[in-house]
PDB file of N, CA and C in Angstrom:
ATOM      1  N   MET A   1      30.237 -10.873  40.162  1.00  0.00           N
ATOM      2  CA  MET A   1      29.432 -11.180  41.323  1.00  0.00           C
ATOM      3  C   MET A   1      28.162 -10.339  41.315  1.00  0.00           C
ATOM      4  N   ILE A   2      27.103 -10.913  41.831  1.00  0.00           N
ATOM      5  CA  ILE A   2      25.880 -10.138  42.022  1.00  0.00           C
ATOM      6  C   ILE A   2      25.625 -10.006  43.515  1.00  0.00           C
ATOM      7  N   SER A   3      24.897  -8.984  43.863  1.00  0.00           N
ATOM      8  CA  SER A   3      24.590  -8.769  45.270  1.00  0.00           C
ATOM      9  C   SER A   3      23.404  -9.644  45.688  1.00  0.00           C
ATOM     10  N   TYR A   4      23.238  -9.798  46.994  1.00  0.00           N
ATOM     11  CA  TYR A   4      22.087 -10.521  47.512  1.00  0.00           C
ATOM     12  C   TYR A   4      20.801  -9.827  47.063  1.00  0.00           C
ATOM     13  N   ASP A   5      20.809  -8.496  47.033  1.00  0.00           N
ATOM     14  CA  ASP A   5      19.632  -7.753  46.583  1.00  0.00           C
ATOM     15  C   ASP A   5      19.269  -8.120  45.147  1.00  0.00           C
ATOM     16  N   ASP A   6      20.282  -8.277  44.289  1.00  0.00           N
ATOM     17  CA  ASP A   6      20.018  -8.692  42.905  1.00  0.00           C
ATOM     18  C   ASP A   6      19.420 -10.095  42.873  1.00  0.00           C
ATOM     19  N   PHE A   7      19.999 -11.023  43.651  1.00  0.00           N
ATOM     20  CA  PHE A   7      19.489 -12.390  43.690  1.00  0.00           C
ATOM     21  C   PHE A   7      18.049 -12.431  44.196  1.00  0.00           C
ATOM     22  N   SER A   8      17.747 -11.604  45.174  1.00  0.00           N
ATOM     23  CA  SER A   8      16.404 -11.620  45.761  1.00  0.00           C
ATOM     24  C   SER A   8      15.328 -11.141  44.781  1.00  0.00           C
ATOM     25  N   LYS A   9      15.722 -10.535  43.683  1.00  0.00           N
ATOM     26  CA  LYS A   9      14.761 -10.093  42.661  1.00  0.00           C
ATOM     27  C   LYS A   9      14.227 -11.273  41.832  1.00  0.00           C
ATOM     28  N   LEU A  10      14.940 -12.403  41.851  1.00  0.00           N
ATOM     29  CA  LEU A  10      14.510 -13.566  41.085  1.00  0.00           C
ATOM     30  C   LEU A  10      13.343 -14.245  41.787  1.00  0.00           C
ATOM     31  N   ASP A  11      12.264 -14.478  41.054  1.00  0.00           N
ATOM     32  CA  ASP A  11      11.107 -15.187  41.597  1.00  0.00           C
ATOM     33  C   ASP A  11      11.145 -16.600  41.035  1.00  0.00           C
ATOM     34  N   LEU A  12      11.705 -17.515  41.822  1.00  0.00           N
ATOM     35  CA  LEU A  12      11.841 -18.916  41.440  1.00  0.00           C
ATOM     36  C   LEU A  12      10.745 -19.709  42.126  1.00  0.00           C
ATOM     37  N   ARG A  13       9.995 -20.480  41.345  1.00  0.00           N
ATOM     38  CA  ARG A  13       8.881 -21.256  41.887  1.00  0.00           C
ATOM     39  C   ARG A  13       8.893 -22.668  41.313  1.00  0.00           C
ATOM     40  N   ILE A  14       8.212 -23.552  42.018  1.00  0.00           N
ATOM     41  CA  ILE A  14       8.027 -24.908  41.510  1.00  0.00           C
ATOM     42  C   ILE A  14       6.818 -24.904  40.573  1.00  0.00           C
ATOM     43  N   GLY A  15       7.031 -25.420  39.375  1.00  0.00           N
ATOM     44  CA  GLY A  15       5.951 -25.540  38.399  1.00  0.00           C
ATOM     45  C   GLY A  15       5.790 -26.982  37.964  1.00  0.00           C
ATOM     46  N   LYS A  16       4.609 -27.303  37.485  1.00  0.00           N
ATOM     47  CA  LYS A  16       4.320 -28.656  36.992  1.00  0.00           C
ATOM     48  C   LYS A  16       4.042 -28.576  35.492  1.00  0.00           C
ATOM     49  N   ILE A  17       4.795 -29.343  34.724  1.00  0.00           N
ATOM     50  CA  ILE A  17       4.608 -29.369  33.272  1.00  0.00           C
ATOM     51  C   ILE A  17       3.325 -30.139  32.972  1.00  0.00           C
ATOM     52  N   ILE A  18       2.385 -29.469  32.310  1.00  0.00           N
ATOM     53  CA  ILE A  18       1.091 -30.104  32.038  1.00  0.00           C
ATOM     54  C   ILE A  18       0.871 -30.384  30.550  1.00  0.00           C
ATOM     55  N   GLU A  19       1.685 -29.771  29.706  1.00  0.00           N
ATOM     56  CA  GLU A  19       1.532 -30.000  28.259  1.00  0.00           C
ATOM     57  C   GLU A  19       2.874 -29.751  27.577  1.00  0.00           C
ATOM     58  N   VAL A  20       3.187 -30.580  26.588  1.00  0.00           N
ATOM     59  CA  VAL A  20       4.420 -30.445  25.811  1.00  0.00           C
ATOM     60  C   VAL A  20       4.064 -30.550  24.342  1.00  0.00           C
ATOM     61  N   SER A  21       4.539 -29.594  23.546  1.00  0.00           N
ATOM     62  CA  SER A  21       4.350 -29.684  22.098  1.00  0.00           C
ATOM     63  C   SER A  21       5.637 -29.269  21.399  1.00  0.00           C
ATOM     64  N   LEU A  22       5.759 -29.702  20.159  1.00  0.00           N
ATOM     65  CA  LEU A  22       6.942 -29.360  19.372  1.00  0.00           C
ATOM     66  C   LEU A  22       6.868 -27.898  18.948  1.00  0.00           C
ATOM     67  N   HIS A  23       7.982 -27.214  19.045  1.00  0.00           N
ATOM     68  CA  HIS A  23       8.042 -25.826  18.565  1.00  0.00           C
ATOM     69  C   HIS A  23       7.898 -25.860  17.045  1.00  0.00           C
ATOM     70  N   PRO A  24       7.026 -25.034  16.478  1.00  0.00           N
ATOM     71  CA  PRO A  24       6.799 -25.114  15.027  1.00  0.00           C
ATOM     72  C   PRO A  24       7.954 -24.603  14.180  1.00  0.00           C
ATOM     73  N   ASN A  25       8.904 -23.857  14.776  1.00  0.00           N
ATOM     74  CA  ASN A  25       9.974 -23.248  13.986  1.00  0.00           C
ATOM     75  C   ASN A  25      11.375 -23.628  14.449  1.00  0.00           C
ATOM     76  N   ALA A  26      11.499 -24.668  15.279  1.00  0.00           N
ATOM     77  CA  ALA A  26      12.825 -25.036  15.780  1.00  0.00           C
ATOM     78  C   ALA A  26      12.861 -26.511  16.168  1.00  0.00           C
ATOM     79  N   ASP A  27      13.854 -27.231  15.668  1.00  0.00           N
ATOM     80  CA  ASP A  27      13.969 -28.663  15.918  1.00  0.00           C
ATOM     81  C   ASP A  27      14.463 -29.010  17.313  1.00  0.00           C
ATOM     82  N   LYS A  28      15.069 -28.058  18.033  1.00  0.00           N
ATOM     83  CA  LYS A  28      15.642 -28.350  19.346  1.00  0.00           C
ATOM     84  C   LYS A  28      14.775 -27.844  20.495  1.00  0.00           C
ATOM     85  N   LEU A  29      13.627 -27.241  20.178  1.00  0.00           N
ATOM     86  CA  LEU A  29      12.819 -26.590  21.205  1.00  0.00           C
ATOM     87  C   LEU A  29      11.463 -27.255  21.391  1.00  0.00           C
ATOM     88  N   TYR A  30      10.975 -27.188  22.631  1.00  0.00           N
ATOM     89  CA  TYR A  30       9.596 -27.551  22.977  1.00  0.00           C
ATOM     90  C   TYR A  30       8.852 -26.307  23.415  1.00  0.00           C
ATOM     91  N   LEU A  31       7.538 -26.346  23.258  1.00  0.00           N
ATOM     92  CA  LEU A  31       6.645 -25.400  23.913  1.00  0.00           C
ATOM     93  C   LEU A  31       6.040 -26.145  25.097  1.00  0.00           C
ATOM     94  N   LEU A  32       6.205 -25.588  26.282  1.00  0.00           N
ATOM     95  CA  LEU A  32       5.692 -26.205  27.496  1.00  0.00           C
ATOM     96  C   LEU A  32       4.593 -25.348  28.093  1.00  0.00           C
ATOM     97  N   LYS A  33       3.537 -25.967  28.569  1.00  0.00           N
ATOM     98  CA  LYS A  33       2.541 -25.305  29.404  1.00  0.00           C
ATOM     99  C   LYS A  33       2.849 -25.753  30.824  1.00  0.00           C
ATOM    100  N   VAL A  34       3.069 -24.777  31.708  1.00  0.00           N
ATOM    101  CA  VAL A  34       3.510 -25.080  33.069  1.00  0.00           C
ATOM    102  C   VAL A  34       2.584 -24.392  34.063  1.00  0.00           C
ATOM    103  N   ASP A  35       2.052 -25.180  34.976  1.00  0.00           N
ATOM    104  CA  ASP A  35       1.220 -24.659  36.065  1.00  0.00           C
ATOM    105  C   ASP A  35       2.156 -24.180  37.167  1.00  0.00           C
ATOM    106  N   ILE A  36       2.097 -22.870  37.486  1.00  0.00           N
ATOM    107  CA  ILE A  36       2.946 -22.314  38.540  1.00  0.00           C
ATOM    108  C   ILE A  36       2.121 -21.890  39.755  1.00  0.00           C
ATOM    109  N   GLY A  37       0.924 -22.421  39.863  1.00  0.00           N
ATOM    110  CA  GLY A  37       0.075 -22.121  41.014  1.00  0.00           C
ATOM    111  C   GLY A  37      -1.036 -21.169  40.656  1.00  0.00           C
ATOM    112  N   GLU A  38      -0.709 -19.891  40.554  1.00  0.00           N
ATOM    113  CA  GLU A  38      -1.765 -18.909  40.294  1.00  0.00           C
ATOM    114  C   GLU A  38      -2.164 -18.828  38.823  1.00  0.00           C
ATOM    115  N   LYS A  39      -1.364 -19.424  37.929  1.00  0.00           N
ATOM    116  CA  LYS A  39      -1.695 -19.410  36.503  1.00  0.00           C
ATOM    117  C   LYS A  39      -0.868 -20.457  35.773  1.00  0.00           C
ATOM    118  N   VAL A  40      -1.187 -20.630  34.502  1.00  0.00           N
ATOM    119  CA  VAL A  40      -0.420 -21.502  33.608  1.00  0.00           C
ATOM    120  C   VAL A  40       0.332 -20.597  32.645  1.00  0.00           C
ATOM    121  N   VAL A  41       1.632 -20.857  32.489  1.00  0.00           N
ATOM    122  CA  VAL A  41       2.459 -20.055  31.589  1.00  0.00           C
ATOM    123  C   VAL A  41       2.996 -20.941  30.465  1.00  0.00           C
ATOM    124  N   GLN A  42       3.350 -20.296  29.357  1.00  0.00           N
ATOM    125  CA  GLN A  42       3.997 -20.994  28.249  1.00  0.00           C
ATOM    126  C   GLN A  42       5.488 -20.698  28.301  1.00  0.00           C
ATOM    127  N   LEU A  43       6.301 -21.742  28.177  1.00  0.00           N
ATOM    128  CA  LEU A  43       7.751 -21.604  28.133  1.00  0.00           C
ATOM    129  C   LEU A  43       8.280 -22.234  26.863  1.00  0.00           C
ATOM    130  N   VAL A  44       9.333 -21.658  26.317  1.00  0.00           N
ATOM    131  CA  VAL A  44      10.080 -22.276  25.230  1.00  0.00           C
ATOM    132  C   VAL A  44      11.332 -22.866  25.874  1.00  0.00           C
ATOM    133  N   ALA A  45      11.559 -24.158  25.681  1.00  0.00           N
ATOM    134  CA  ALA A  45      12.679 -24.836  26.339  1.00  0.00           C
ATOM    135  C   ALA A  45      13.500 -25.638  25.343  1.00  0.00           C
ATOM    136  N   GLY A  46      14.808 -25.478  25.409  1.00  0.00           N
ATOM    137  CA  GLY A  46      15.729 -26.174  24.511  1.00  0.00           C
ATOM    138  C   GLY A  46      16.181 -27.512  25.058  1.00  0.00           C
ATOM    139  N   ILE A  47      15.215 -28.379  25.335  1.00  0.00           N
ATOM    140  CA  ILE A  47      15.524 -29.684  25.949  1.00  0.00           C
ATOM    141  C   ILE A  47      15.052 -30.856  25.091  1.00  0.00           C
ATOM    142  N   ARG A  48      14.659 -30.577  23.882  1.00  0.00           N
ATOM    143  CA  ARG A  48      14.051 -31.604  23.024  1.00  0.00           C
ATOM    144  C   ARG A  48      14.969 -32.792  22.743  1.00  0.00           C
ATOM    145  N   ALA A  49      16.263 -32.559  22.639  1.00  0.00           N
ATOM    146  CA  ALA A  49      17.195 -33.649  22.345  1.00  0.00           C
ATOM    147  C   ALA A  49      17.398 -34.587  23.539  1.00  0.00           C
ATOM    148  N   PHE A  50      16.945 -34.180  24.720  1.00  0.00           N
ATOM    149  CA  PHE A  50      17.236 -34.938  25.937  1.00  0.00           C
ATOM    150  C   PHE A  50      16.000 -35.522  26.626  1.00  0.00           C
ATOM    151  N   TYR A  51      14.813 -35.066  26.250  1.00  0.00           N
ATOM    152  CA  TYR A  51      13.586 -35.530  26.897  1.00  0.00           C
ATOM    153  C   TYR A  51      12.509 -35.802  25.860  1.00  0.00           C
ATOM    154  N   ALA A  52      11.831 -36.923  26.002  1.00  0.00           N
ATOM    155  CA  ALA A  52      10.641 -37.208  25.204  1.00  0.00           C
ATOM    156  C   ALA A  52       9.474 -36.464  25.851  1.00  0.00           C
ATOM    157  N   PRO A  53       8.508 -36.021  25.060  1.00  0.00           N
ATOM    158  CA  PRO A  53       7.373 -35.290  25.638  1.00  0.00           C
ATOM    159  C   PRO A  53       6.696 -36.037  26.782  1.00  0.00           C
ATOM    160  N   GLU A  54       6.485 -37.351  26.622  1.00  0.00           N
ATOM    161  CA  GLU A  54       5.789 -38.109  27.664  1.00  0.00           C
ATOM    162  C   GLU A  54       6.599 -38.198  28.955  1.00  0.00           C
ATOM    163  N   GLY A  55       7.916 -38.020  28.885  1.00  0.00           N
ATOM    164  CA  GLY A  55       8.749 -38.025  30.079  1.00  0.00           C
ATOM    165  C   GLY A  55       8.706 -36.717  30.850  1.00  0.00           C
ATOM    166  N   LEU A  56       8.152 -35.689  30.227  1.00  0.00           N
ATOM    167  CA  LEU A  56       8.072 -34.374  30.882  1.00  0.00           C
ATOM    168  C   LEU A  56       6.712 -34.102  31.515  1.00  0.00           C
ATOM    169  N   ILE A  57       5.659 -34.685  30.966  1.00  0.00           N
ATOM    170  CA  ILE A  57       4.310 -34.443  31.490  1.00  0.00           C
ATOM    171  C   ILE A  57       4.248 -34.857  32.958  1.00  0.00           C
ATOM    172  N   GLY A  58       3.810 -33.931  33.810  1.00  0.00           N
ATOM    173  CA  GLY A  58       3.689 -34.193  35.237  1.00  0.00           C
ATOM    174  C   GLY A  58       4.952 -33.913  36.029  1.00  0.00           C
ATOM    175  N   LYS A  59       6.054 -33.622  35.344  1.00  0.00           N
ATOM    176  CA  LYS A  59       7.330 -33.372  36.027  1.00  0.00           C
ATOM    177  C   LYS A  59       7.302 -32.000  36.706  1.00  0.00           C
ATOM    178  N   LEU A  60       7.849 -31.947  37.928  1.00  0.00           N
ATOM    179  CA  LEU A  60       8.016 -30.686  38.634  1.00  0.00           C
ATOM    180  C   LEU A  60       9.377 -30.112  38.278  1.00  0.00           C
ATOM    181  N   GLY A  61       9.440 -28.789  38.137  1.00  0.00           N
ATOM    182  CA  GLY A  61      10.704 -28.130  37.832  1.00  0.00           C
ATOM    183  C   GLY A  61      10.757 -26.759  38.451  1.00  0.00           C
ATOM    184  N   VAL A  62      11.963 -26.209  38.487  1.00  0.00           N
ATOM    185  CA  VAL A  62      12.165 -24.854  38.994  1.00  0.00           C
ATOM    186  C   VAL A  62      11.989 -23.885  37.831  1.00  0.00           C
ATOM    187  N   ILE A  63      11.090 -22.911  38.022  1.00  0.00           N
ATOM    188  CA  ILE A  63      10.744 -21.954  36.973  1.00  0.00           C
ATOM    189  C   ILE A  63      11.085 -20.543  37.435  1.00  0.00           C
ATOM    190  N   LEU A  64      11.773 -19.793  36.597  1.00  0.00           N
ATOM    191  CA  LEU A  64      11.974 -18.368  36.832  1.00  0.00           C
ATOM    192  C   LEU A  64      10.744 -17.676  36.266  1.00  0.00           C
ATOM    193  N   VAL A  65       9.858 -17.188  37.155  1.00  0.00           N
ATOM    194  CA  VAL A  65       8.560 -16.698  36.701  1.00  0.00           C
ATOM    195  C   VAL A  65       8.519 -15.200  36.423  1.00  0.00           C
ATOM    196  N   ASN A  66       9.497 -14.443  36.905  1.00  0.00           N
ATOM    197  CA  ASN A  66       9.445 -12.998  36.670  1.00  0.00           C
ATOM    198  C   ASN A  66      10.448 -12.537  35.613  1.00  0.00           C
ATOM    199  N   LEU A  67      10.802 -13.436  34.722  1.00  0.00           N
ATOM    200  CA  LEU A  67      11.625 -13.078  33.572  1.00  0.00           C
ATOM    201  C   LEU A  67      10.738 -12.375  32.551  1.00  0.00           C
ATOM    202  N   GLU A  68      11.241 -11.315  31.973  1.00  0.00           N
ATOM    203  CA  GLU A  68      10.462 -10.577  30.983  1.00  0.00           C
ATOM    204  C   GLU A  68      10.068 -11.500  29.827  1.00  0.00           C
ATOM    205  N   PRO A  69       8.771 -11.539  29.460  1.00  0.00           N
ATOM    206  CA  PRO A  69       8.342 -12.387  28.332  1.00  0.00           C
ATOM    207  C   PRO A  69       9.098 -12.015  27.059  1.00  0.00           C
ATOM    208  N   ARG A  70       9.324 -13.047  26.221  1.00  0.00           N
ATOM    209  CA  ARG A  70      10.107 -12.827  25.009  1.00  0.00           C
ATOM    210  C   ARG A  70       9.672 -13.818  23.943  1.00  0.00           C
ATOM    211  N   GLU A  71       9.669 -13.377  22.717  1.00  0.00           N
ATOM    212  CA  GLU A  71       9.397 -14.284  21.601  1.00  0.00           C
ATOM    213  C   GLU A  71      10.684 -15.002  21.225  1.00  0.00           C
ATOM    214  N   ILE A  72      10.586 -16.326  21.131  1.00  0.00           N
ATOM    215  CA  ILE A  72      11.726 -17.140  20.728  1.00  0.00           C
ATOM    216  C   ILE A  72      11.318 -17.930  19.493  1.00  0.00           C
ATOM    217  N   ARG A  73      11.895 -17.566  18.376  1.00  0.00           N
ATOM    218  CA  ARG A  73      11.579 -18.182  17.086  1.00  0.00           C
ATOM    219  C   ARG A  73      10.084 -18.146  16.796  1.00  0.00           C
ATOM    220  N   GLY A  74       9.464 -17.009  17.148  1.00  0.00           N
ATOM    221  CA  GLY A  74       8.065 -16.787  16.821  1.00  0.00           C
ATOM    222  C   GLY A  74       7.061 -17.235  17.862  1.00  0.00           C
ATOM    223  N   CYS A  75       7.504 -17.775  18.989  1.00  0.00           N
ATOM    224  CA  CYS A  75       6.590 -18.224  20.046  1.00  0.00           C
ATOM    225  C   CYS A  75       6.945 -17.537  21.358  1.00  0.00           C
ATOM    226  N   LEU A  76       5.920 -17.119  22.099  1.00  0.00           N
ATOM    227  CA  LEU A  76       6.116 -16.405  23.349  1.00  0.00           C
ATOM    228  C   LEU A  76       6.586 -17.347  24.456  1.00  0.00           C
ATOM    229  N   SER A  77       7.623 -16.909  25.189  1.00  0.00           N
ATOM    230  CA  SER A  77       8.095 -17.615  26.375  1.00  0.00           C
ATOM    231  C   SER A  77       7.906 -16.676  27.555  1.00  0.00           C
ATOM    232  N   GLU A  78       7.179 -17.158  28.575  1.00  0.00           N
ATOM    233  CA  GLU A  78       6.812 -16.322  29.718  1.00  0.00           C
ATOM    234  C   GLU A  78       7.608 -16.654  30.973  1.00  0.00           C
ATOM    235  N   GLY A  79       8.802 -17.157  30.825  1.00  0.00           N
ATOM    236  CA  GLY A  79       9.647 -17.519  31.954  1.00  0.00           C
ATOM    237  C   GLY A  79      10.737 -18.445  31.472  1.00  0.00           C
ATOM    238  N   MET A  80      11.365 -19.142  32.437  1.00  0.00           N
ATOM    239  CA  MET A  80      12.445 -20.053  32.075  1.00  0.00           C
ATOM    240  C   MET A  80      12.433 -21.279  32.988  1.00  0.00           C
ATOM    241  N   LEU A  81      12.534 -22.439  32.371  1.00  0.00           N
ATOM    242  CA  LEU A  81      12.708 -23.696  33.087  1.00  0.00           C
ATOM    243  C   LEU A  81      14.203 -23.852  33.351  1.00  0.00           C
ATOM    244  N   LEU A  82      14.585 -24.014  34.622  1.00  0.00           N
ATOM    245  CA  LEU A  82      16.004 -24.128  34.944  1.00  0.00           C
ATOM    246  C   LEU A  82      16.484 -25.552  34.748  1.00  0.00           C
ATOM    247  N   ALA A  83      17.698 -25.673  34.230  1.00  0.00           N
ATOM    248  CA  ALA A  83      18.298 -26.980  33.967  1.00  0.00           C
ATOM    249  C   ALA A  83      19.807 -26.869  34.112  1.00  0.00           C
ATOM    250  N   ALA A  84      20.417 -27.978  34.471  1.00  0.00           N
ATOM    251  CA  ALA A  84      21.874 -28.077  34.498  1.00  0.00           C
ATOM    252  C   ALA A  84      22.313 -28.633  33.152  1.00  0.00           C
ATOM    253  N   SER A  85      23.460 -28.167  32.674  1.00  0.00           N
ATOM    254  CA  SER A  85      23.914 -28.673  31.378  1.00  0.00           C
ATOM    255  C   SER A  85      25.400 -28.998  31.410  1.00  0.00           C
ATOM    256  N   SER A  86      25.734 -30.003  30.643  1.00  0.00           N
ATOM    257  CA  SER A  86      27.120 -30.384  30.383  1.00  0.00           C
ATOM    258  C   SER A  86      27.187 -30.618  28.881  1.00  0.00           C
ATOM    259  N   PRO A  87      28.360 -30.846  28.340  1.00  0.00           N
ATOM    260  CA  PRO A  87      28.418 -31.077  26.886  1.00  0.00           C
ATOM    261  C   PRO A  87      27.564 -32.247  26.411  1.00  0.00           C
ATOM    262  N   GLU A  88      27.349 -33.250  27.284  1.00  0.00           N
ATOM    263  CA  GLU A  88      26.604 -34.430  26.835  1.00  0.00           C
ATOM    264  C   GLU A  88      25.189 -34.549  27.364  1.00  0.00           C
ATOM    265  N   ARG A  89      24.747 -33.648  28.248  1.00  0.00           N
ATOM    266  CA  ARG A  89      23.422 -33.818  28.864  1.00  0.00           C
ATOM    267  C   ARG A  89      22.853 -32.509  29.359  1.00  0.00           C
ATOM    268  N   ILE A  90      21.528 -32.406  29.334  1.00  0.00           N
ATOM    269  CA  ILE A  90      20.787 -31.342  30.009  1.00  0.00           C
ATOM    270  C   ILE A  90      19.847 -32.042  30.978  1.00  0.00           C
ATOM    271  N   SER A  91      19.811 -31.551  32.226  1.00  0.00           N
ATOM    272  CA  SER A  91      18.975 -32.164  33.252  1.00  0.00           C
ATOM    273  C   SER A  91      18.124 -31.084  33.916  1.00  0.00           C
ATOM    274  N   VAL A  92      16.802 -31.229  33.795  1.00  0.00           N
ATOM    275  CA  VAL A  92      15.877 -30.292  34.403  1.00  0.00           C
ATOM    276  C   VAL A  92      16.049 -30.330  35.920  1.00  0.00           C
ATOM    277  N   ILE A  93      16.112 -29.166  36.544  1.00  0.00           N
ATOM    278  CA  ILE A  93      16.248 -29.080  37.998  1.00  0.00           C
ATOM    279  C   ILE A  93      14.866 -29.234  38.609  1.00  0.00           C
ATOM    280  N   SER A  94      14.742 -30.223  39.489  1.00  0.00           N
ATOM    281  CA  SER A  94      13.456 -30.492  40.125  1.00  0.00           C
ATOM    282  C   SER A  94      13.672 -30.834  41.597  1.00  0.00           C
ATOM    283  N   PRO A  95      12.636 -30.653  42.424  1.00  0.00           N
ATOM    284  CA  PRO A  95      12.788 -30.941  43.850  1.00  0.00           C
ATOM    285  C   PRO A  95      12.915 -32.445  44.104  1.00  0.00           C
ATOM    286  N   LEU A  96      13.618 -32.793  45.173  1.00  0.00           N
ATOM    287  CA  LEU A  96      13.770 -34.205  45.548  1.00  0.00           C
ATOM    288  C   LEU A  96      12.492 -34.773  46.147  1.00  0.00           C
ATOM    289  N   GLU A  97      11.717 -33.925  46.804  1.00  0.00           N
ATOM    290  CA  GLU A  97      10.469 -34.322  47.445  1.00  0.00           C
ATOM    291  C   GLU A  97       9.312 -33.630  46.725  1.00  0.00           C
ATOM    292  N   ASP A  98       8.108 -34.184  46.854  1.00  0.00           N
ATOM    293  CA  ASP A  98       6.940 -33.499  46.322  1.00  0.00           C
ATOM    294  C   ASP A  98       6.675 -32.250  47.146  1.00  0.00           C
ATOM    295  N   VAL A  99       6.520 -31.144  46.474  1.00  0.00           N
ATOM    296  CA  VAL A  99       6.157 -29.887  47.118  1.00  0.00           C
ATOM    297  C   VAL A  99       5.003 -29.289  46.326  1.00  0.00           C
ATOM    298  N   ALA A 100       4.297 -28.363  46.933  1.00  0.00           N
ATOM    299  CA  ALA A 100       3.135 -27.757  46.278  1.00  0.00           C
ATOM    300  C   ALA A 100       3.565 -26.947  45.056  1.00  0.00           C
ATOM    301  N   ILE A 101       2.750 -27.035  44.024  1.00  0.00           N
ATOM    302  CA  ILE A 101       2.952 -26.213  42.836  1.00  0.00           C
ATOM    303  C   ILE A 101       2.873 -24.757  43.264  1.00  0.00           C
ATOM    304  N   GLY A 102       3.809 -23.938  42.784  1.00  0.00           N
ATOM    305  CA  GLY A 102       3.853 -22.528  43.150  1.00  0.00           C
ATOM    306  C   GLY A 102       4.738 -22.235  44.343  1.00  0.00           C
ATOM    307  N   SER A 103       5.273 -23.292  44.994  1.00  0.00           N
ATOM    308  CA  SER A 103       6.171 -23.074  46.135  1.00  0.00           C
ATOM    309  C   SER A 103       7.364 -22.237  45.713  1.00  0.00           C
ATOM    310  N   LYS A 104       7.776 -21.311  46.589  1.00  0.00           N
ATOM    311  CA  LYS A 104       8.943 -20.471  46.296  1.00  0.00           C
ATOM    312  C   LYS A 104      10.226 -21.265  46.522  1.00  0.00           C
ATOM    313  N   VAL A 105      11.196 -21.037  45.658  1.00  0.00           N
ATOM    314  CA  VAL A 105      12.521 -21.625  45.795  1.00  0.00           C
ATOM    315  C   VAL A 105      13.425 -20.536  46.349  1.00  0.00           C
ATOM    316  N   LYS A 106      14.104 -20.868  47.439  1.00  0.00           N
ATOM    317  CA  LYS A 106      14.965 -19.868  48.100  1.00  0.00           C
ATOM    318  C   LYS A 106      16.391 -20.348  48.155  1.00  0.00           C
TER     319      LYS A 106
END
């Protein structure tokens, strides 16, 4: 279990995917450019087997924006796109209604 104080440290925001490219060193990964309001960040996301690039452009998703940046297979990831997964599917978590880019998720 984590405490509420630990949970409150997570900065979850709504981001809009504005660019998708193939990761140069991994067949299962995309490089995403995501607008989170005050800036655009690059994310490495393991959703390539489940989404075509054109299906992601313009999609809103929940982004963990205060995750420590990390290189993944040679490319910088500046956060994390949240998704639900099962053995047969990965589904990006997105709001049911349109909300402003950068909106906090609580």
